[in-house]
Amino acid sequence: MSASTDPAQTPNTDRLATDDMVRVAVDQELCIGGGICEMLEPEVFELDSDIVISSVIGDGLLPRNRAEVVVDRCPGQAIAVVEQEQ
């Protein structure tokens, strides 16, 4: 195996490190039901079609960089990162 690796592959490994995982939460009072979170991370967010409010499904864990993208793109500013306790 070559000593040089594709630089695009290296960050992906780092992103999956346990220390880099964060939990996300949705403030349902702020959620406007845009569905961007579900579009970006369907394994973590689900938009309730009856009340048109998003909620976290499963453990709510994401690599920090992906969580930050979802937080930044939420039009209602309803998603927050909840730091993992060590």
C-alpha atoms as a PDB file:
ATOM      1  CA  MET A   1       0.000   0.000   0.000  1.00  0.00           C
ATOM      2  CA  SER A   2       1.316   3.437  -0.922  1.00  0.00           C
ATOM      3  CA  ALA A   3       2.428   5.837   1.793  1.00  0.00           C
ATOM      4  CA  SER A   4       0.497   8.647   0.129  1.00  0.00           C
ATOM      5  CA  THR A   5      -3.240   8.631   0.597  1.00  0.00           C
ATOM      6  CA  ASP A   6      -6.011  10.615  -0.955  1.00  0.00           C
ATOM      7  CA  PRO A   7      -6.367  13.736   1.244  1.00  0.00           C
ATOM      8  CA  ALA A   8     -10.117  13.685   0.697  1.00  0.00           C
ATOM      9  CA  GLN A   9     -10.285  10.325   2.481  1.00  0.00           C
ATOM     10  CA  THR A  10      -8.330  11.344   5.575  1.00  0.00           C
ATOM     11  CA  PRO A  11     -10.853  13.885   6.969  1.00  0.00           C
ATOM     12  CA  ASN A  12     -13.682  11.359   6.680  1.00  0.00           C
ATOM     13  CA  THR A  13     -11.885   9.028   9.070  1.00  0.00           C
ATOM     14  CA  ASP A  14     -11.292  11.870  11.517  1.00  0.00           C
ATOM     15  CA  ARG A  15     -14.943  12.939  11.402  1.00  0.00           C
ATOM     16  CA  LEU A  16     -16.080   9.557  12.566  1.00  0.00           C
ATOM     17  CA  ALA A  17     -13.958   9.594  15.704  1.00  0.00           C
ATOM     18  CA  THR A  18     -16.049   9.103  18.820  1.00  0.00           C
ATOM     19  CA  ASP A  19     -14.643  12.282  20.363  1.00  0.00           C
ATOM     20  CA  ASP A  20     -16.025  14.275  17.442  1.00  0.00           C
ATOM     21  CA  MET A  21     -19.604  13.032  17.845  1.00  0.00           C
ATOM     22  CA  VAL A  22     -22.229  15.402  19.213  1.00  0.00           C
ATOM     23  CA  ARG A  23     -25.892  15.071  20.023  1.00  0.00           C
ATOM     24  CA  VAL A  24     -28.407  17.348  18.338  1.00  0.00           C
ATOM     25  CA  ALA A  25     -31.732  18.544  19.684  1.00  0.00           C
ATOM     26  CA  VAL A  26     -34.739  20.304  18.159  1.00  0.00           C
ATOM     27  CA  ASP A  27     -36.566  23.094  19.967  1.00  0.00           C
ATOM     28  CA  GLN A  28     -40.074  22.321  18.783  1.00  0.00           C
ATOM     29  CA  GLU A  29     -41.267  25.791  19.778  1.00  0.00           C
ATOM     30  CA  LEU A  30     -38.877  27.307  17.213  1.00  0.00           C
ATOM     31  CA  CYS A  31     -39.269  24.695  14.459  1.00  0.00           C
ATOM     32  CA  ILE A  32     -41.102  26.054  11.394  1.00  0.00           C
ATOM     33  CA  GLY A  33     -41.265  22.689   9.616  1.00  0.00           C
ATOM     34  CA  GLY A  34     -39.003  23.503   6.686  1.00  0.00           C
ATOM     35  CA  GLY A  35     -37.727  19.921   6.563  1.00  0.00           C
ATOM     36  CA  ILE A  36     -34.155  20.837   5.683  1.00  0.00           C
ATOM     37  CA  CYS A  37     -32.852  18.849   8.648  1.00  0.00           C
ATOM     38  CA  GLU A  38     -34.634  15.699   7.465  1.00  0.00           C
ATOM     39  CA  MET A  39     -33.376  16.259   3.932  1.00  0.00           C
ATOM     40  CA  LEU A  40     -29.777  16.616   5.140  1.00  0.00           C
ATOM     41  CA  GLU A  41     -29.792  13.911   7.840  1.00  0.00           C
ATOM     42  CA  PRO A  42     -32.811  11.599   7.377  1.00  0.00           C
ATOM     43  CA  GLU A  43     -31.408   9.035   9.811  1.00  0.00           C
ATOM     44  CA  VAL A  44     -31.452  11.631  12.615  1.00  0.00           C
ATOM     45  CA  PHE A  45     -34.432  13.915  11.920  1.00  0.00           C
ATOM     46  CA  GLU A  46     -38.043  13.238  11.056  1.00  0.00           C
ATOM     47  CA  LEU A  47     -40.644  15.794  10.077  1.00  0.00           C
ATOM     48  CA  ASP A  48     -44.061  14.897  11.495  1.00  0.00           C
ATOM     49  CA  SER A  49     -46.477  15.302   8.589  1.00  0.00           C
ATOM     50  CA  ASP A  50     -49.446  15.987  10.896  1.00  0.00           C
ATOM     51  CA  ILE A  51     -47.992  18.782  13.015  1.00  0.00           C
ATOM     52  CA  VAL A  52     -45.185  19.753  10.578  1.00  0.00           C
ATOM     53  CA  ILE A  53     -42.582  19.845  13.329  1.00  0.00           C
ATOM     54  CA  SER A  54     -39.228  18.089  13.249  1.00  0.00           C
ATOM     55  CA  SER A  55     -37.934  15.790  15.949  1.00  0.00           C
ATOM     56  CA  VAL A  56     -34.787  13.792  16.585  1.00  0.00           C
ATOM     57  CA  ILE A  57     -35.054  10.063  15.995  1.00  0.00           C
ATOM     58  CA  GLY A  58     -32.640   7.496  17.339  1.00  0.00           C
ATOM     59  CA  ASP A  59     -29.729   8.653  19.445  1.00  0.00           C
ATOM     60  CA  GLY A  60     -29.385  12.020  17.718  1.00  0.00           C
ATOM     61  CA  LEU A  61     -25.638  11.609  17.266  1.00  0.00           C
ATOM     62  CA  LEU A  62     -23.788  13.151  14.334  1.00  0.00           C
ATOM     63  CA  PRO A  63     -20.198  13.989  13.546  1.00  0.00           C
ATOM     64  CA  ARG A  64     -19.638  17.582  14.688  1.00  0.00           C
ATOM     65  CA  ASN A  65     -19.088  18.974  11.179  1.00  0.00           C
ATOM     66  CA  ARG A  66     -22.368  17.501   9.885  1.00  0.00           C
ATOM     67  CA  ALA A  67     -24.259  18.688  12.972  1.00  0.00           C
ATOM     68  CA  GLU A  68     -22.943  22.214  12.413  1.00  0.00           C
ATOM     69  CA  VAL A  69     -24.215  22.176   8.816  1.00  0.00           C
ATOM     70  CA  VAL A  70     -27.719  21.210   9.967  1.00  0.00           C
ATOM     71  CA  VAL A  71     -27.674  23.860  12.711  1.00  0.00           C
ATOM     72  CA  ASP A  72     -26.562  26.531  10.232  1.00  0.00           C
ATOM     73  CA  ARG A  73     -29.162  25.611   7.618  1.00  0.00           C
ATOM     74  CA  CYS A  74     -32.192  25.416   9.922  1.00  0.00           C
ATOM     75  CA  PRO A  75     -34.432  28.345   8.895  1.00  0.00           C
ATOM     76  CA  GLY A  76     -36.104  28.480  12.320  1.00  0.00           C
ATOM     77  CA  GLN A  77     -32.814  28.223  14.225  1.00  0.00           C
ATOM     78  CA  ALA A  78     -34.467  25.356  16.096  1.00  0.00           C
ATOM     79  CA  ILE A  79     -31.576  22.881  16.068  1.00  0.00           C
ATOM     80  CA  ALA A  80     -28.770  22.949  18.604  1.00  0.00           C
ATOM     81  CA  VAL A  81     -25.706  20.882  19.340  1.00  0.00           C
ATOM     82  CA  VAL A  82     -25.725  19.314  22.777  1.00  0.00           C
ATOM     83  CA  GLU A  83     -22.178  18.510  23.823  1.00  0.00           C
ATOM     84  CA  GLN A  84     -21.444  14.916  24.794  1.00  0.00           C
ATOM     85  CA  GLU A  85     -20.585  14.388  28.437  1.00  0.00           C
ATOM     86  CA  GLN A  86     -17.159  12.835  28.902  1.00  0.00           C
END
